[in-house]
Amino acid sequence: RFVPERMVPFSFPLSKCALWDPVPMGDVIGSHITYYRNPMLSVMEKTLRLAYRHAKQSEKKLFSCFLLGTLTVDEDGEGVTLTIDRFDPGREV
């Protein structure tokens, strides 16, 4: 869960039987996509031009939209590639 002021640990719903011991063990570690993998970002030119044109035509100072794409793991398993290939301006309402 993301809370604007701080990050909150996630939790699972209560159940009658647990498959593991829920007591924390060991040191706290962070998990991030760049910790084990080399990330690469690929944006299609058409998508970037469309987003730029839409932002220029917007009368608002703050412009929000959606950039959609796919996340793939490289064949060698060493990197991840985020390919952004779609633009969605969203809705005002």
PDB file of N, CA and C in Angstrom:
ATOM      1  N   ARG A   1       0.833  -1.182   0.000  1.00  0.00           N
ATOM      2  CA  ARG A   1       0.000   0.000   0.000  1.00  0.00           C
ATOM      3  C   ARG A   1       0.866   1.229   0.000  1.00  0.00           C
ATOM      4  N   PHE A   2       0.467   2.257  -0.736  1.00  0.00           N
ATOM      5  CA  PHE A   2       1.207   3.501  -0.753  1.00  0.00           C
ATOM      6  C   PHE A   2       0.401   4.576  -0.048  1.00  0.00           C
ATOM      7  N   VAL A   3       1.002   5.183   0.952  1.00  0.00           N
ATOM      8  CA  VAL A   3       0.413   6.306   1.660  1.00  0.00           C
ATOM      9  C   VAL A   3       1.280   7.506   1.325  1.00  0.00           C
ATOM     10  N   PRO A   4       0.687   8.638   0.926  1.00  0.00           N
ATOM     11  CA  PRO A   4       1.490   9.771   0.458  1.00  0.00           C
ATOM     12  C   PRO A   4       2.628  10.170   1.398  1.00  0.00           C
ATOM     13  N   GLU A   5       2.431  10.114   2.697  1.00  0.00           N
ATOM     14  CA  GLU A   5       3.456  10.579   3.639  1.00  0.00           C
ATOM     15  C   GLU A   5       4.555   9.540   3.874  1.00  0.00           C
ATOM     16  N   ARG A   6       4.211   8.270   3.817  1.00  0.00           N
ATOM     17  CA  ARG A   6       5.187   7.231   4.176  1.00  0.00           C
ATOM     18  C   ARG A   6       4.783   5.899   3.564  1.00  0.00           C
ATOM     19  N   MET A   7       5.721   5.001   3.506  1.00  0.00           N
ATOM     20  CA  MET A   7       5.434   3.654   3.025  1.00  0.00           C
ATOM     21  C   MET A   7       4.955   2.816   4.209  1.00  0.00           C
ATOM     22  N   VAL A   8       3.970   1.962   3.964  1.00  0.00           N
ATOM     23  CA  VAL A   8       3.404   1.117   5.002  1.00  0.00           C
ATOM     24  C   VAL A   8       3.622  -0.333   4.603  1.00  0.00           C
ATOM     25  N   PRO A   9       4.102  -1.184   5.524  1.00  0.00           N
ATOM     26  CA  PRO A   9       4.278  -2.594   5.161  1.00  0.00           C
ATOM     27  C   PRO A   9       2.932  -3.238   4.840  1.00  0.00           C
ATOM     28  N   PHE A  10       2.940  -4.145   3.873  1.00  0.00           N
ATOM     29  CA  PHE A  10       1.693  -4.812   3.519  1.00  0.00           C
ATOM     30  C   PHE A  10       1.459  -5.987   4.454  1.00  0.00           C
ATOM     31  N   SER A  11       0.208  -6.408   4.549  1.00  0.00           N
ATOM     32  CA  SER A  11      -0.127  -7.528   5.422  1.00  0.00           C
ATOM     33  C   SER A  11      -1.164  -8.390   4.726  1.00  0.00           C
ATOM     34  N   PHE A  12      -1.238  -9.629   5.152  1.00  0.00           N
ATOM     35  CA  PHE A  12      -2.187 -10.575   4.588  1.00  0.00           C
ATOM     36  C   PHE A  12      -3.397 -10.685   5.496  1.00  0.00           C
ATOM     37  N   PRO A  13      -4.560 -11.038   4.946  1.00  0.00           N
ATOM     38  CA  PRO A  13      -5.742 -11.188   5.806  1.00  0.00           C
ATOM     39  C   PRO A  13      -5.568 -12.335   6.796  1.00  0.00           C
ATOM     40  N   LEU A  14      -6.261 -12.219   7.908  1.00  0.00           N
ATOM     41  CA  LEU A  14      -6.198 -13.270   8.930  1.00  0.00           C
ATOM     42  C   LEU A  14      -6.810 -14.561   8.392  1.00  0.00           C
ATOM     43  N   SER A  15      -6.254 -15.681   8.788  1.00  0.00           N
ATOM     44  CA  SER A  15      -6.795 -16.978   8.395  1.00  0.00           C
ATOM     45  C   SER A  15      -6.687 -17.943   9.567  1.00  0.00           C
ATOM     46  N   LYS A  16      -7.385 -19.048   9.464  1.00  0.00           N
ATOM     47  CA  LYS A  16      -7.384 -20.021  10.558  1.00  0.00           C
ATOM     48  C   LYS A  16      -6.081 -20.804  10.631  1.00  0.00           C
ATOM     49  N   CYS A  17      -5.439 -21.022   9.493  1.00  0.00           N
ATOM     50  CA  CYS A  17      -4.179 -21.754   9.537  1.00  0.00           C
ATOM     51  C   CYS A  17      -3.155 -21.054   8.656  1.00  0.00           C
ATOM     52  N   ALA A  18      -1.933 -20.965   9.146  1.00  0.00           N
ATOM     53  CA  ALA A  18      -0.868 -20.266   8.419  1.00  0.00           C
ATOM     54  C   ALA A  18       0.095 -21.284   7.823  1.00  0.00           C
ATOM     55  N   LEU A  19       0.592 -20.969   6.636  1.00  0.00           N
ATOM     56  CA  LEU A  19       1.541 -21.860   5.985  1.00  0.00           C
ATOM     57  C   LEU A  19       2.983 -21.546   6.382  1.00  0.00           C
ATOM     58  N   TRP A  20       3.198 -20.454   7.107  1.00  0.00           N
ATOM     59  CA  TRP A  20       4.529 -20.073   7.544  1.00  0.00           C
ATOM     60  C   TRP A  20       4.426 -19.323   8.864  1.00  0.00           C
ATOM     61  N   ASP A  21       5.542 -19.211   9.541  1.00  0.00           N
ATOM     62  CA  ASP A  21       5.615 -18.483  10.807  1.00  0.00           C
ATOM     63  C   ASP A  21       5.691 -16.992  10.486  1.00  0.00           C
ATOM     64  N   PRO A  22       4.721 -16.183  10.912  1.00  0.00           N
ATOM     65  CA  PRO A  22       4.691 -14.766  10.551  1.00  0.00           C
ATOM     66  C   PRO A  22       5.664 -13.881  11.322  1.00  0.00           C
ATOM     67  N   VAL A  23       6.413 -14.451  12.271  1.00  0.00           N
ATOM     68  CA  VAL A  23       7.350 -13.651  13.060  1.00  0.00           C
ATOM     69  C   VAL A  23       8.534 -13.258  12.175  1.00  0.00           C
ATOM     70  N   PRO A  24       8.872 -11.936  12.122  1.00  0.00           N
ATOM     71  CA  PRO A  24      10.012 -11.501  11.295  1.00  0.00           C
ATOM     72  C   PRO A  24      11.315 -12.136  11.763  1.00  0.00           C
ATOM     73  N   MET A  25      12.164 -12.513  10.792  1.00  0.00           N
ATOM     74  CA  MET A  25      13.454 -13.127  11.106  1.00  0.00           C
ATOM     75  C   MET A  25      14.532 -12.424  10.303  1.00  0.00           C
ATOM     76  N   GLY A  26      15.656 -12.152  10.916  1.00  0.00           N
ATOM     77  CA  GLY A  26      16.779 -11.560  10.196  1.00  0.00           C
ATOM     78  C   GLY A  26      16.650 -10.055  10.031  1.00  0.00           C
ATOM     79  N   ASP A  27      17.587  -9.510   9.255  1.00  0.00           N
ATOM     80  CA  ASP A  27      17.633  -8.073   9.023  1.00  0.00           C
ATOM     81  C   ASP A  27      16.623  -7.664   7.965  1.00  0.00           C
ATOM     82  N   VAL A  28      16.220  -6.404   8.020  1.00  0.00           N
ATOM     83  CA  VAL A  28      15.315  -5.849   7.028  1.00  0.00           C
ATOM     84  C   VAL A  28      16.097  -5.576   5.745  1.00  0.00           C
ATOM     85  N   ILE A  29      15.554  -5.977   4.617  1.00  0.00           N
ATOM     86  CA  ILE A  29      16.202  -5.706   3.336  1.00  0.00           C
ATOM     87  C   ILE A  29      15.212  -5.003   2.423  1.00  0.00           C
ATOM     88  N   GLY A  30      15.742  -4.218   1.513  1.00  0.00           N
ATOM     89  CA  GLY A  30      14.894  -3.551   0.542  1.00  0.00           C
ATOM     90  C   GLY A  30      14.845  -4.362  -0.739  1.00  0.00           C
ATOM     91  N   SER A  31      13.736  -4.293  -1.411  1.00  0.00           N
ATOM     92  CA  SER A  31      13.597  -4.999  -2.675  1.00  0.00           C
ATOM     93  C   SER A  31      13.307  -3.971  -3.756  1.00  0.00           C
ATOM     94  N   HIS A  32      14.147  -3.910  -4.750  1.00  0.00           N
ATOM     95  CA  HIS A  32      13.981  -2.932  -5.816  1.00  0.00           C
ATOM     96  C   HIS A  32      14.339  -3.593  -7.134  1.00  0.00           C
ATOM     97  N   ILE A  33      13.666  -3.171  -8.198  1.00  0.00           N
ATOM     98  CA  ILE A  33      13.877  -3.797  -9.507  1.00  0.00           C
ATOM     99  C   ILE A  33      15.320  -3.659  -9.992  1.00  0.00           C
ATOM    100  N   THR A  34      16.005  -2.591  -9.596  1.00  0.00           N
ATOM    101  CA  THR A  34      17.379  -2.381 -10.072  1.00  0.00           C
ATOM    102  C   THR A  34      18.414  -3.078  -9.200  1.00  0.00           C
ATOM    103  N   TYR A  35      18.006  -3.737  -8.130  1.00  0.00           N
ATOM    104  CA  TYR A  35      18.971  -4.376  -7.239  1.00  0.00           C
ATOM    105  C   TYR A  35      19.665  -5.558  -7.911  1.00  0.00           C
ATOM    106  N   TYR A  36      18.916  -6.365  -8.619  1.00  0.00           N
ATOM    107  CA  TYR A  36      19.487  -7.543  -9.269  1.00  0.00           C
ATOM    108  C   TYR A  36      19.508  -7.444 -10.789  1.00  0.00           C
ATOM    109  N   ARG A  37      18.805  -6.508 -11.362  1.00  0.00           N
ATOM    110  CA  ARG A  37      18.674  -6.432 -12.815  1.00  0.00           C
ATOM    111  C   ARG A  37      19.113  -5.075 -13.342  1.00  0.00           C
ATOM    112  N   ASN A  38      19.515  -5.052 -14.601  1.00  0.00           N
ATOM    113  CA  ASN A  38      19.864  -3.812 -15.281  1.00  0.00           C
ATOM    114  C   ASN A  38      18.630  -3.341 -16.046  1.00  0.00           C
ATOM    115  N   PRO A  39      18.001  -2.225 -15.609  1.00  0.00           N
ATOM    116  CA  PRO A  39      16.782  -1.775 -16.282  1.00  0.00           C
ATOM    117  C   PRO A  39      17.072  -0.980 -17.550  1.00  0.00           C
ATOM    118  N   MET A  40      16.167  -1.061 -18.516  1.00  0.00           N
ATOM    119  CA  MET A  40      16.259  -0.278 -19.739  1.00  0.00           C
ATOM    120  C   MET A  40      14.855   0.233 -20.070  1.00  0.00           C
ATOM    121  N   LEU A  41      14.780   1.493 -20.463  1.00  0.00           N
ATOM    122  CA  LEU A  41      13.507   2.102 -20.820  1.00  0.00           C
ATOM    123  C   LEU A  41      13.502   2.382 -22.311  1.00  0.00           C
ATOM    124  N   SER A  42      12.461   1.929 -22.983  1.00  0.00           N
ATOM    125  CA  SER A  42      12.313   2.144 -24.418  1.00  0.00           C
ATOM    126  C   SER A  42      10.958   2.793 -24.659  1.00  0.00           C
ATOM    127  N   VAL A  43      10.967   3.986 -25.280  1.00  0.00           N
ATOM    128  CA  VAL A  43       9.725   4.702 -25.561  1.00  0.00           C
ATOM    129  C   VAL A  43       9.602   4.853 -27.069  1.00  0.00           C
ATOM    130  N   MET A  44       8.462   4.447 -27.609  1.00  0.00           N
ATOM    131  CA  MET A  44       8.235   4.576 -29.044  1.00  0.00           C
ATOM    132  C   MET A  44       8.111   6.054 -29.404  1.00  0.00           C
ATOM    133  N   GLU A  45       8.701   6.451 -30.511  1.00  0.00           N
ATOM    134  CA  GLU A  45       8.696   7.858 -30.917  1.00  0.00           C
ATOM    135  C   GLU A  45       7.276   8.373 -31.139  1.00  0.00           C
ATOM    136  N   LYS A  46       6.444   7.566 -31.759  1.00  0.00           N
ATOM    137  CA  LYS A  46       5.060   7.960 -32.029  1.00  0.00           C
ATOM    138  C   LYS A  46       4.320   8.277 -30.723  1.00  0.00           C
ATOM    139  N   THR A  47       4.528   7.458 -29.712  1.00  0.00           N
ATOM    140  CA  THR A  47       3.890   7.653 -28.415  1.00  0.00           C
ATOM    141  C   THR A  47       4.368   8.936 -27.756  1.00  0.00           C
ATOM    142  N   LEU A  48       5.664   9.181 -27.823  1.00  0.00           N
ATOM    143  CA  LEU A  48       6.241  10.378 -27.226  1.00  0.00           C
ATOM    144  C   LEU A  48       5.746  11.641 -27.924  1.00  0.00           C
ATOM    145  N   ARG A  49       5.682  11.609 -29.236  1.00  0.00           N
ATOM    146  CA  ARG A  49       5.186  12.769 -29.996  1.00  0.00           C
ATOM    147  C   ARG A  49       3.709  13.043 -29.689  1.00  0.00           C
ATOM    148  N   LEU A  50       2.910  12.002 -29.580  1.00  0.00           N
ATOM    149  CA  LEU A  50       1.495  12.154 -29.266  1.00  0.00           C
ATOM    150  C   LEU A  50       1.309  12.757 -27.876  1.00  0.00           C
ATOM    151  N   ALA A  51       2.056  12.277 -26.900  1.00  0.00           N
ATOM    152  CA  ALA A  51       1.968  12.803 -25.538  1.00  0.00           C
ATOM    153  C   ALA A  51       2.414  14.267 -25.504  1.00  0.00           C
ATOM    154  N   TYR A  52       3.475  14.594 -26.217  1.00  0.00           N
ATOM    155  CA  TYR A  52       3.984  15.963 -26.257  1.00  0.00           C
ATOM    156  C   TYR A  52       2.948  16.901 -26.889  1.00  0.00           C
ATOM    157  N   ARG A  53       2.360  16.489 -27.993  1.00  0.00           N
ATOM    158  CA  ARG A  53       1.361  17.310 -28.671  1.00  0.00           C
ATOM    159  C   ARG A  53       0.136  17.527 -27.778  1.00  0.00           C
ATOM    160  N   HIS A  54      -0.274  16.470 -27.093  1.00  0.00           N
ATOM    161  CA  HIS A  54      -1.432  16.564 -26.209  1.00  0.00           C
ATOM    162  C   HIS A  54      -1.145  17.509 -25.035  1.00  0.00           C
ATOM    163  N   ALA A  55       0.066  17.445 -24.483  1.00  0.00           N
ATOM    164  CA  ALA A  55       0.453  18.311 -23.368  1.00  0.00           C
ATOM    165  C   ALA A  55       0.522  19.770 -23.805  1.00  0.00           C
ATOM    166  N   LYS A  56       1.018  20.010 -25.011  1.00  0.00           N
ATOM    167  CA  LYS A  56       1.109  21.382 -25.526  1.00  0.00           C
ATOM    168  C   LYS A  56      -0.283  21.981 -25.733  1.00  0.00           C
ATOM    169  N   GLN A  57      -1.263  21.169 -26.137  1.00  0.00           N
ATOM    170  CA  GLN A  57      -2.610  21.647 -26.394  1.00  0.00           C
ATOM    171  C   GLN A  57      -3.432  21.804 -25.111  1.00  0.00           C
ATOM    172  N   SER A  58      -2.952  21.208 -24.033  1.00  0.00           N
ATOM    173  CA  SER A  58      -3.673  21.297 -22.760  1.00  0.00           C
ATOM    174  C   SER A  58      -3.546  22.710 -22.194  1.00  0.00           C
ATOM    175  N   GLU A  59      -4.643  23.217 -21.635  1.00  0.00           N
ATOM    176  CA  GLU A  59      -4.627  24.548 -21.059  1.00  0.00           C
ATOM    177  C   GLU A  59      -4.206  24.543 -19.594  1.00  0.00           C
ATOM    178  N   LYS A  60      -4.065  23.368 -19.007  1.00  0.00           N
ATOM    179  CA  LYS A  60      -3.683  23.270 -17.597  1.00  0.00           C
ATOM    180  C   LYS A  60      -2.163  23.280 -17.459  1.00  0.00           C
ATOM    181  N   LYS A  61      -1.690  23.808 -16.313  1.00  0.00           N
ATOM    182  CA  LYS A  61      -0.248  23.781 -16.042  1.00  0.00           C
ATOM    183  C   LYS A  61       0.207  22.357 -15.726  1.00  0.00           C
ATOM    184  N   LEU A  62      -0.601  21.652 -14.936  1.00  0.00           N
ATOM    185  CA  LEU A  62      -0.290  20.266 -14.610  1.00  0.00           C
ATOM    186  C   LEU A  62      -1.080  19.367 -15.550  1.00  0.00           C
ATOM    187  N   PHE A  63      -0.372  18.536 -16.265  1.00  0.00           N
ATOM    188  CA  PHE A  63      -0.989  17.649 -17.249  1.00  0.00           C
ATOM    189  C   PHE A  63      -0.782  16.209 -16.798  1.00  0.00           C
ATOM    190  N   SER A  64      -1.851  15.435 -16.702  1.00  0.00           N
ATOM    191  CA  SER A  64      -1.719  14.033 -16.313  1.00  0.00           C
ATOM    192  C   SER A  64      -2.234  13.145 -17.437  1.00  0.00           C
ATOM    193  N   CYS A  65      -1.600  12.001 -17.576  1.00  0.00           N
ATOM    194  CA  CYS A  65      -1.972  11.047 -18.619  1.00  0.00           C
ATOM    195  C   CYS A  65      -1.468   9.673 -18.214  1.00  0.00           C
ATOM    196  N   PHE A  66      -1.698   8.697 -19.071  1.00  0.00           N
ATOM    197  CA  PHE A  66      -1.206   7.347 -18.851  1.00  0.00           C
ATOM    198  C   PHE A  66      -0.280   6.962 -19.985  1.00  0.00           C
ATOM    199  N   LEU A  67       0.866   6.425 -19.658  1.00  0.00           N
ATOM    200  CA  LEU A  67       1.758   5.824 -20.645  1.00  0.00           C
ATOM    201  C   LEU A  67       1.740   4.331 -20.355  1.00  0.00           C
ATOM    202  N   LEU A  68       1.357   3.542 -21.333  1.00  0.00           N
ATOM    203  CA  LEU A  68       1.180   2.103 -21.147  1.00  0.00           C
ATOM    204  C   LEU A  68       2.231   1.331 -21.922  1.00  0.00           C
ATOM    205  N   GLY A  69       2.630   0.203 -21.395  1.00  0.00           N
ATOM    206  CA  GLY A  69       3.621  -0.600 -22.089  1.00  0.00           C
ATOM    207  C   GLY A  69       3.755  -1.976 -21.481  1.00  0.00           C
ATOM    208  N   THR A  70       4.871  -2.609 -21.783  1.00  0.00           N
ATOM    209  CA  THR A  70       5.129  -3.964 -21.299  1.00  0.00           C
ATOM    210  C   THR A  70       6.483  -4.036 -20.617  1.00  0.00           C
ATOM    211  N   LEU A  71       6.582  -4.916 -19.656  1.00  0.00           N
ATOM    212  CA  LEU A  71       7.830  -5.163 -18.940  1.00  0.00           C
ATOM    213  C   LEU A  71       8.288  -6.574 -19.272  1.00  0.00           C
ATOM    214  N   THR A  72       9.495  -6.701 -19.809  1.00  0.00           N
ATOM    215  CA  THR A  72      10.015  -8.018 -20.179  1.00  0.00           C
ATOM    216  C   THR A  72      11.387  -8.242 -19.558  1.00  0.00           C
ATOM    217  N   VAL A  73      11.675  -9.492 -19.282  1.00  0.00           N
ATOM    218  CA  VAL A  73      12.995  -9.875 -18.782  1.00  0.00           C
ATOM    219  C   VAL A  73      13.828 -10.316 -19.973  1.00  0.00           C
ATOM    220  N   ASP A  74      15.071  -9.838 -20.047  1.00  0.00           N
ATOM    221  CA  ASP A  74      15.952 -10.183 -21.157  1.00  0.00           C
ATOM    222  C   ASP A  74      16.225 -11.685 -21.185  1.00  0.00           C
ATOM    223  N   GLU A  75      16.609 -12.181 -22.347  1.00  0.00           N
ATOM    224  CA  GLU A  75      16.851 -13.620 -22.516  1.00  0.00           C
ATOM    225  C   GLU A  75      17.917 -14.146 -21.560  1.00  0.00           C
ATOM    226  N   ASP A  76      18.946 -13.337 -21.297  1.00  0.00           N
ATOM    227  CA  ASP A  76      20.009 -13.796 -20.403  1.00  0.00           C
ATOM    228  C   ASP A  76      19.629 -13.676 -18.929  1.00  0.00           C
ATOM    229  N   GLY A  77      18.466 -13.082 -18.646  1.00  0.00           N
ATOM    230  CA  GLY A  77      18.001 -12.967 -17.273  1.00  0.00           C
ATOM    231  C   GLY A  77      18.677 -11.868 -16.485  1.00  0.00           C
ATOM    232  N   GLU A  78      19.539 -11.093 -17.101  1.00  0.00           N
ATOM    233  CA  GLU A  78      20.295 -10.066 -16.403  1.00  0.00           C
ATOM    234  C   GLU A  78      19.636  -8.696 -16.422  1.00  0.00           C
ATOM    235  N   GLY A  79      18.686  -8.472 -17.298  1.00  0.00           N
ATOM    236  CA  GLY A  79      18.096  -7.150 -17.408  1.00  0.00           C
ATOM    237  C   GLY A  79      16.597  -7.198 -17.623  1.00  0.00           C
ATOM    238  N   VAL A  80      15.965  -6.065 -17.391  1.00  0.00           N
ATOM    239  CA  VAL A  80      14.546  -5.916 -17.662  1.00  0.00           C
ATOM    240  C   VAL A  80      14.371  -4.716 -18.584  1.00  0.00           C
ATOM    241  N   THR A  81      13.407  -4.806 -19.474  1.00  0.00           N
ATOM    242  CA  THR A  81      13.131  -3.726 -20.412  1.00  0.00           C
ATOM    243  C   THR A  81      11.677  -3.298 -20.277  1.00  0.00           C
ATOM    244  N   LEU A  82      11.474  -2.012 -20.055  1.00  0.00           N
ATOM    245  CA  LEU A  82      10.142  -1.436 -20.031  1.00  0.00           C
ATOM    246  C   LEU A  82       9.937  -0.731 -21.355  1.00  0.00           C
ATOM    247  N   THR A  83       9.018  -1.251 -22.178  1.00  0.00           N
ATOM    248  CA  THR A  83       8.736  -0.686 -23.490  1.00  0.00           C
ATOM    249  C   THR A  83       7.402   0.043 -23.431  1.00  0.00           C
ATOM    250  N   ILE A  84       7.446   1.363 -23.564  1.00  0.00           N
ATOM    251  CA  ILE A  84       6.234   2.172 -23.538  1.00  0.00           C
ATOM    252  C   ILE A  84       5.807   2.412 -24.970  1.00  0.00           C
ATOM    253  N   ASP A  85       4.605   1.919 -25.313  1.00  0.00           N
ATOM    254  CA  ASP A  85       4.181   2.005 -26.701  1.00  0.00           C
ATOM    255  C   ASP A  85       2.759   2.546 -26.889  1.00  0.00           C
ATOM    256  N   ARG A  86       2.104   2.951 -25.794  1.00  0.00           N
ATOM    257  CA  ARG A  86       0.747   3.472 -25.915  1.00  0.00           C
ATOM    258  C   ARG A  86       0.579   4.704 -25.036  1.00  0.00           C
ATOM    259  N   PHE A  87      -0.249   5.623 -25.501  1.00  0.00           N
ATOM    260  CA  PHE A  87      -0.543   6.843 -24.778  1.00  0.00           C
ATOM    261  C   PHE A  87      -2.040   6.955 -24.565  1.00  0.00           C
ATOM    262  N   ASP A  88      -2.441   7.268 -23.333  1.00  0.00           N
ATOM    263  CA  ASP A  88      -3.851   7.458 -23.029  1.00  0.00           C
ATOM    264  C   ASP A  88      -3.983   8.768 -22.269  1.00  0.00           C
ATOM    265  N   PRO A  89      -4.658   9.765 -22.852  1.00  0.00           N
ATOM    266  CA  PRO A  89      -4.776  11.048 -22.169  1.00  0.00           C
ATOM    267  C   PRO A  89      -5.651  11.007 -20.919  1.00  0.00           C
ATOM    268  N   GLY A  90      -6.416   9.954 -20.727  1.00  0.00           N
ATOM    269  CA  GLY A  90      -7.279   9.853 -19.561  1.00  0.00           C
ATOM    270  C   GLY A  90      -8.554  10.660 -19.747  1.00  0.00           C
ATOM    271  N   ARG A  91      -9.265  10.828 -18.676  1.00  0.00           N
ATOM    272  CA  ARG A  91     -10.519  11.577 -18.722  1.00  0.00           C
ATOM    273  C   ARG A  91     -10.452  12.731 -17.734  1.00  0.00           C
ATOM    274  N   GLU A  92     -11.140  13.784 -18.050  1.00  0.00           N
ATOM    275  CA  GLU A  92     -11.182  14.946 -17.157  1.00  0.00           C
ATOM    276  C   GLU A  92     -12.077  14.700 -15.957  1.00  0.00           C
ATOM    277  N   VAL A  93     -13.106  13.859 -16.120  1.00  0.00           N
ATOM    278  CA  VAL A  93     -14.060  13.601 -15.036  1.00  0.00           C
ATOM    279  C   VAL A  93     -13.704  12.301 -14.365  1.00  0.00           C
TER     280      VAL A  93
END
